[in-house]
Amino acid sequence: MSKYSRTFLPQRSHPSTVTPIRSVAWSLESSRAWQRACKQDSEIAWFALFAVPLSCDSCVKAVSDQLYQLGGITKVEGNLKDQLISVEGSAAPSAIVEAIQATGRDAILRGSGSSNSAAVSILETFAGRTESHHENRDRAVRGLARMVQVNSERTLVDLTVRGLAPGKYRATIREYGDIKDGATSSGPVWRGSQEEEKGLLGAMDVDGDGRGTVFVDHPFQVWEVIGHAMVLTRQDERTRPLENDRNTVVGVVARSAGVWDNDKTVCSCTGKTLWEERKDEVNKGMLPVGN
């Protein structure tokens, strides 16, 4: 497995000139929804670092101008030498990705938040799998959850999915991190030390195109959920145990690099650059989250 700590995003061609954005309605909607979640606390802000192909100062300006359109962005800085864009603000991570991609450039999230304050969960389907398939790594990826802890009591969760049937879904953190049998082995909803279910993240509406996004402001710290499973499903587990149907997706919450925690550009296992690694993963079916 690659040693990078990064999120794979879809490849886009880099045009010779930057074309004006037709509309970044989804990004604006995402950013505003995230900011509404942050509205109760004016001190909420987070940092993120993206690898982006940059060839000149005009590239940095094009990306910066696009990001400032989101609202909630307080600072954007570019590093031509290291091909990096750093962002500070309260806009949703997925909205930032959309904005960068709208300029025709690739983007790979290299880190967010401070050290030990960020996490990620890649959500996959387990429908139709048997014990003989447990080592199959070509499961269908349907979504990604990004977590950034913004203070000692609060964590923001940005959950994005695509390729699911329309309807209302429920997102939860589970008691266990065992997903060898998908949702069925992940245990009940996580309670932590409380009597109430602490792992209830909220509901998500998936539209007719199979896409959905939800932003959650939740009272837990990132370290508490590392190693736990996350499940998104339409099933009502109050009436029966969860099953692995085509529209139930599962992943394990894993630590993600904080800003400046990850400076690797070549994988120590394969010798490939992070861009080559990302392309390989997308070709294998990694969901192009943010597209």
Protein backbone atom coordinates (compact mmCIF):
# COMPACT_ATOMS: atom_id res chain seq x y z
CA MET A 1 0.00 0.00 0.00
CA SER A 2 1.21 3.49 -0.79
CA LYS A 3 2.68 5.49 2.09
CA TYR A 4 1.00 8.72 1.00
CA SER A 5 -1.57 10.32 3.26
CA ARG A 6 -3.81 11.87 0.66
CA THR A 7 -7.23 11.87 -0.90
CA PHE A 8 -7.58 10.78 -4.51
CA LEU A 9 -9.43 13.21 -6.75
CA PRO A 10 -10.37 12.96 -10.42
CA GLN A 11 -7.94 13.86 -13.14
CA ARG A 12 -8.71 16.93 -15.22
CA SER A 13 -6.78 18.25 -18.19
CA HIS A 14 -4.84 21.44 -17.63
CA PRO A 15 -5.90 23.91 -20.35
CA SER A 16 -3.42 26.29 -21.91
CA THR A 17 -5.57 29.18 -20.70
CA VAL A 18 -7.84 29.41 -17.73
CA THR A 19 -11.44 29.66 -18.87
CA PRO A 20 -14.08 31.50 -16.85
CA ILE A 21 -16.20 29.31 -14.62
CA ARG A 22 -19.67 28.68 -16.01
CA SER A 23 -21.14 28.29 -12.54
CA VAL A 24 -19.91 26.80 -9.33
CA ALA A 25 -23.41 26.41 -7.91
CA TRP A 26 -22.64 23.09 -6.22
CA SER A 27 -19.50 24.51 -4.66
CA LEU A 28 -21.28 27.64 -3.49
CA GLU A 29 -24.14 25.61 -2.08
CA SER A 30 -21.71 23.29 -0.31
CA SER A 31 -19.70 26.17 1.09
CA ARG A 32 -22.77 27.99 2.38
CA ALA A 33 -24.13 24.85 3.99
CA TRP A 34 -20.81 24.29 5.74
CA GLN A 35 -20.71 27.90 6.90
CA ARG A 36 -24.23 27.59 8.34
CA ALA A 37 -22.94 24.65 10.35
CA CYS A 38 -20.12 26.88 11.64
CA LYS A 39 -22.26 29.94 12.27
CA GLN A 40 -22.68 29.35 15.98
CA ASP A 41 -18.98 29.79 16.60
CA SER A 42 -17.17 32.64 14.88
CA GLU A 43 -13.81 31.16 15.83
CA ILE A 44 -14.25 28.05 13.68
CA ALA A 45 -11.68 27.95 10.90
CA TRP A 46 -9.58 25.20 9.44
CA PHE A 47 -6.51 24.87 7.24
CA ALA A 48 -5.92 22.62 4.24
CA LEU A 49 -3.03 21.98 1.89
CA PHE A 50 -3.52 20.81 -1.70
CA ALA A 51 -1.06 19.63 -4.34
CA VAL A 52 -2.02 21.45 -7.54
CA PRO A 53 -0.18 21.72 -10.89
CA LEU A 54 1.10 25.30 -10.99
CA SER A 55 3.35 26.67 -13.72
CA CYS A 56 3.34 30.42 -13.06
CA ASP A 57 1.98 33.19 -10.87
CA SER A 58 -1.06 33.42 -13.14
CA CYS A 59 -1.94 29.85 -12.16
CA VAL A 60 -1.82 30.77 -8.49
CA LYS A 61 -3.98 33.82 -9.14
CA ALA A 62 -6.55 31.80 -11.12
CA VAL A 63 -6.91 29.28 -8.31
CA SER A 64 -6.97 31.98 -5.62
CA ASP A 65 -9.60 34.05 -7.42
CA GLN A 66 -11.77 30.97 -7.80
CA LEU A 67 -11.49 30.02 -4.14
CA TYR A 68 -12.34 33.50 -2.90
CA GLN A 69 -15.64 33.23 -4.80
CA LEU A 70 -16.76 30.58 -2.34
CA GLY A 71 -17.09 32.88 0.63
CA GLY A 72 -15.70 31.85 3.99
CA ILE A 73 -12.15 31.77 2.59
CA THR A 74 -9.84 34.06 4.55
CA LYS A 75 -6.44 33.23 3.05
CA VAL A 76 -5.06 31.45 -0.03
CA GLU A 77 -1.33 31.07 -0.63
CA GLY A 78 0.50 29.38 -3.50
CA ASN A 79 3.93 27.76 -3.59
CA LEU A 80 5.18 27.39 -7.18
CA LYS A 81 8.33 25.50 -6.20
CA ASP A 82 6.50 22.78 -4.29
CA GLN A 83 3.28 22.96 -6.36
CA LEU A 84 1.09 23.58 -3.31
CA ILE A 85 -1.95 25.68 -2.47
CA SER A 86 -2.73 26.36 1.20
CA VAL A 87 -6.22 27.46 2.21
CA GLU A 88 -7.60 28.91 5.44
CA GLY A 89 -11.29 29.45 6.13
CA SER A 90 -14.63 27.86 6.91
CA ALA A 91 -15.67 26.68 3.43
CA ALA A 92 -16.39 22.97 3.05
CA PRO A 93 -13.43 20.83 1.90
CA SER A 94 -15.47 19.36 -0.96
CA ALA A 95 -16.43 22.86 -2.11
CA ILE A 96 -12.75 23.85 -2.17
CA VAL A 97 -11.97 20.79 -4.29
CA GLU A 98 -14.75 21.72 -6.73
CA ALA A 99 -13.45 25.26 -7.02
CA ILE A 100 -9.88 24.16 -7.78
CA GLN A 101 -11.09 21.65 -10.36
CA ALA A 102 -13.25 24.32 -12.00
CA THR A 103 -10.00 25.98 -13.13
CA GLY A 104 -9.12 22.81 -15.07
CA ARG A 105 -6.49 21.58 -12.64
CA ASP A 106 -6.01 18.40 -10.67
CA ALA A 107 -6.00 18.56 -6.89
CA ILE A 108 -4.79 16.17 -4.21
CA LEU A 109 -5.52 16.94 -0.57
CA ARG A 110 -2.19 16.65 1.27
CA GLY A 111 -3.33 17.64 4.76
CA SER A 112 -5.99 19.44 6.77
CA GLY A 113 -6.18 20.82 10.28
CA SER A 114 -3.36 20.51 12.78
CA SER A 115 -1.50 17.30 13.62
CA ASN A 116 -3.79 14.52 14.86
CA SER A 117 -6.92 16.58 14.22
CA ALA A 118 -7.99 15.24 10.83
CA ALA A 119 -9.41 11.93 9.63
CA VAL A 120 -10.89 10.33 6.53
CA SER A 121 -13.14 7.38 5.75
CA ILE A 122 -13.48 5.89 2.26
CA LEU A 123 -16.97 4.39 1.91
CA GLU A 124 -17.42 1.20 -0.12
CA THR A 125 -20.20 -1.26 -0.87
CA PHE A 126 -20.00 -4.82 0.44
CA ALA A 127 -23.11 -6.17 -1.30
CA GLY A 128 -22.77 -9.69 -2.68
CA ARG A 129 -19.40 -10.37 -1.09
CA THR A 130 -18.61 -13.71 0.55
CA GLU A 131 -15.76 -14.91 2.75
CA SER A 132 -13.81 -15.96 -0.33
CA HIS A 133 -13.88 -12.34 -1.49
CA HIS A 134 -12.53 -10.73 1.64
CA GLU A 135 -9.17 -10.02 0.03
CA ASN A 136 -10.76 -8.46 -3.06
CA ARG A 137 -9.64 -4.84 -3.09
CA ASP A 138 -11.79 -3.82 -6.09
CA ARG A 139 -14.90 -3.00 -4.09
CA ALA A 140 -17.07 -0.20 -5.39
CA VAL A 141 -16.16 3.09 -3.74
CA ARG A 142 -19.17 5.35 -3.33
CA GLY A 143 -18.12 8.13 -1.02
CA LEU A 144 -15.70 9.91 1.24
CA ALA A 145 -15.99 11.47 4.69
CA ARG A 146 -13.50 14.13 5.71
CA MET A 147 -13.22 15.12 9.37
CA VAL A 148 -11.50 18.19 10.80
CA GLN A 149 -11.45 18.92 14.53
CA VAL A 150 -11.85 22.67 15.04
CA ASN A 151 -11.57 22.88 18.83
CA SER A 152 -11.42 20.64 21.90
CA GLU A 153 -15.11 19.79 21.69
CA ARG A 154 -16.17 19.97 18.07
CA THR A 155 -15.42 18.17 14.82
CA LEU A 156 -16.74 19.06 11.39
CA VAL A 157 -17.61 16.19 9.04
CA ASP A 158 -17.90 16.70 5.27
CA LEU A 159 -19.57 13.62 3.74
CA THR A 160 -19.95 13.26 -0.03
CA VAL A 161 -21.32 10.28 -1.99
CA ARG A 162 -22.27 9.41 -5.54
CA GLY A 163 -23.64 6.35 -7.33
CA LEU A 164 -26.31 5.54 -4.73
CA ALA A 165 -30.06 5.18 -5.22
CA PRO A 166 -32.09 8.32 -4.46
CA GLY A 167 -33.55 8.59 -0.98
CA LYS A 168 -32.84 9.54 2.63
CA TYR A 169 -29.78 7.96 4.24
CA ARG A 170 -28.47 7.89 7.80
CA ALA A 171 -24.79 8.31 8.65
CA THR A 172 -23.39 6.73 11.82
CA ILE A 173 -20.11 5.94 13.56
CA ARG A 174 -20.13 2.33 14.76
CA GLU A 175 -18.87 0.72 17.95
CA TYR A 176 -16.30 -1.49 16.17
CA GLY A 177 -13.85 -1.09 13.33
CA ASP A 178 -14.35 -4.63 12.04
CA ILE A 179 -15.65 -4.39 8.47
CA LYS A 180 -14.56 -7.77 7.15
CA ASP A 181 -18.28 -8.49 6.74
CA GLY A 182 -19.22 -4.92 5.94
CA ALA A 183 -21.97 -3.28 7.95
CA THR A 184 -22.97 -6.55 9.62
CA SER A 185 -19.70 -6.80 11.58
CA SER A 186 -19.39 -3.12 12.51
CA GLY A 187 -21.46 -3.41 15.68
CA PRO A 188 -24.07 -1.04 17.10
CA VAL A 189 -23.96 2.74 16.91
CA TRP A 190 -20.99 4.10 18.88
CA ARG A 191 -21.86 5.46 22.34
CA GLY A 192 -18.46 6.31 23.77
CA SER A 193 -18.86 6.75 27.51
CA GLN A 194 -22.40 8.07 27.16
CA GLU A 195 -25.72 6.30 27.51
CA GLU A 196 -27.02 7.96 24.36
CA GLU A 197 -25.76 7.05 20.90
CA LYS A 198 -22.88 9.45 20.29
CA GLY A 199 -22.25 8.16 16.77
CA LEU A 200 -25.45 9.47 15.18
CA LEU A 201 -24.09 11.91 12.59
CA GLY A 202 -27.31 12.83 10.80
CA ALA A 203 -29.35 12.33 7.65
CA MET A 204 -28.39 12.80 4.00
CA ASP A 205 -30.65 13.18 0.97
CA VAL A 206 -29.31 11.56 -2.21
CA ASP A 207 -30.74 13.14 -5.35
CA GLY A 208 -31.91 11.62 -8.63
CA ASP A 209 -28.36 11.65 -10.00
CA GLY A 210 -27.16 9.52 -7.10
CA ARG A 211 -25.25 12.35 -5.45
CA GLY A 212 -25.47 13.58 -1.90
CA THR A 213 -23.59 15.77 0.53
CA VAL A 214 -24.04 16.61 4.19
CA PHE A 215 -22.08 18.73 6.67
CA VAL A 216 -22.11 17.85 10.34
CA ASP A 217 -20.96 19.77 13.40
CA HIS A 218 -20.57 17.03 16.01
CA PRO A 219 -19.39 17.05 19.67
CA PHE A 220 -16.51 14.58 19.59
CA GLN A 221 -12.76 14.67 19.11
CA VAL A 222 -11.12 13.02 16.11
CA TRP A 223 -9.00 10.66 18.23
CA GLU A 224 -12.17 9.16 19.71
CA VAL A 225 -13.38 7.79 16.37
CA ILE A 226 -10.11 6.68 14.77
CA GLY A 227 -10.41 2.96 14.03
CA HIS A 228 -14.20 2.92 14.23
CA ALA A 229 -16.37 2.07 11.24
CA MET A 230 -18.66 4.55 9.51
CA VAL A 231 -21.88 3.39 7.84
CA LEU A 232 -24.23 5.21 5.50
CA THR A 233 -27.50 3.40 4.76
CA ARG A 234 -31.21 3.75 3.97
CA GLN A 235 -32.03 0.83 6.25
CA ASP A 236 -33.88 1.33 9.53
CA GLU A 237 -31.88 -0.70 12.04
CA ARG A 238 -34.49 -0.02 14.70
CA THR A 239 -36.58 -2.75 13.07
CA ARG A 240 -33.89 -5.23 11.99
CA PRO A 241 -30.08 -5.64 11.86
CA LEU A 242 -28.16 -3.98 9.06
CA GLU A 243 -27.54 -5.93 5.86
CA ASN A 244 -25.01 -5.36 3.09
CA ASP A 245 -27.24 -4.13 0.29
CA ARG A 246 -26.08 -2.15 -2.75
CA ASN A 247 -26.95 1.15 -1.13
CA THR A 248 -25.21 0.62 2.19
CA VAL A 249 -21.62 1.86 2.23
CA VAL A 250 -19.01 1.24 4.90
CA GLY A 251 -15.51 2.45 5.75
CA VAL A 252 -13.05 2.71 8.63
CA VAL A 253 -12.16 6.12 10.05
CA ALA A 254 -8.41 6.57 9.63
CA ARG A 255 -6.05 9.33 10.66
CA SER A 256 -5.35 11.85 7.91
CA ALA A 257 -2.32 14.08 7.64
CA GLY A 258 -2.48 17.53 9.14
CA VAL A 259 -1.19 20.54 7.23
CA TRP A 260 2.59 20.18 6.68
CA ASP A 261 2.56 16.64 8.14
CA ASN A 262 3.01 15.05 4.71
CA ASP A 263 5.78 16.26 2.41
CA LYS A 264 6.30 13.05 0.41
CA THR A 265 6.02 13.33 -3.36
CA VAL A 266 7.30 9.84 -4.24
CA CYS A 267 5.88 6.62 -2.80
CA SER A 268 8.53 4.63 -0.93
CA CYS A 269 6.83 1.36 -1.95
CA THR A 270 6.34 1.83 -5.70
CA GLY A 271 8.68 4.68 -6.61
CA LYS A 272 5.79 6.47 -8.33
CA THR A 273 4.94 10.12 -7.87
CA LEU A 274 1.76 11.02 -6.01
CA TRP A 275 0.16 11.99 -9.35
CA GLU A 276 1.01 8.59 -10.88
CA GLU A 277 -0.33 6.85 -7.78
CA ARG A 278 -3.55 8.86 -7.93
CA LYS A 279 -4.04 8.03 -11.61
CA ASP A 280 -3.54 4.32 -10.91
CA GLU A 281 -6.10 4.36 -8.11
CA VAL A 282 -8.68 6.23 -10.20
CA ASN A 283 -8.20 3.67 -13.00
CA LYS A 284 -8.86 0.90 -10.47
CA GLY A 285 -12.20 2.42 -9.56
CA MET A 286 -11.40 4.87 -6.78
CA LEU A 287 -14.35 7.21 -6.62
CA PRO A 288 -13.46 10.61 -8.08
CA VAL A 289 -14.85 12.41 -5.06
CA GLY A 290 -15.46 16.07 -5.63
CA ASN A 291 -16.24 15.65 -9.32
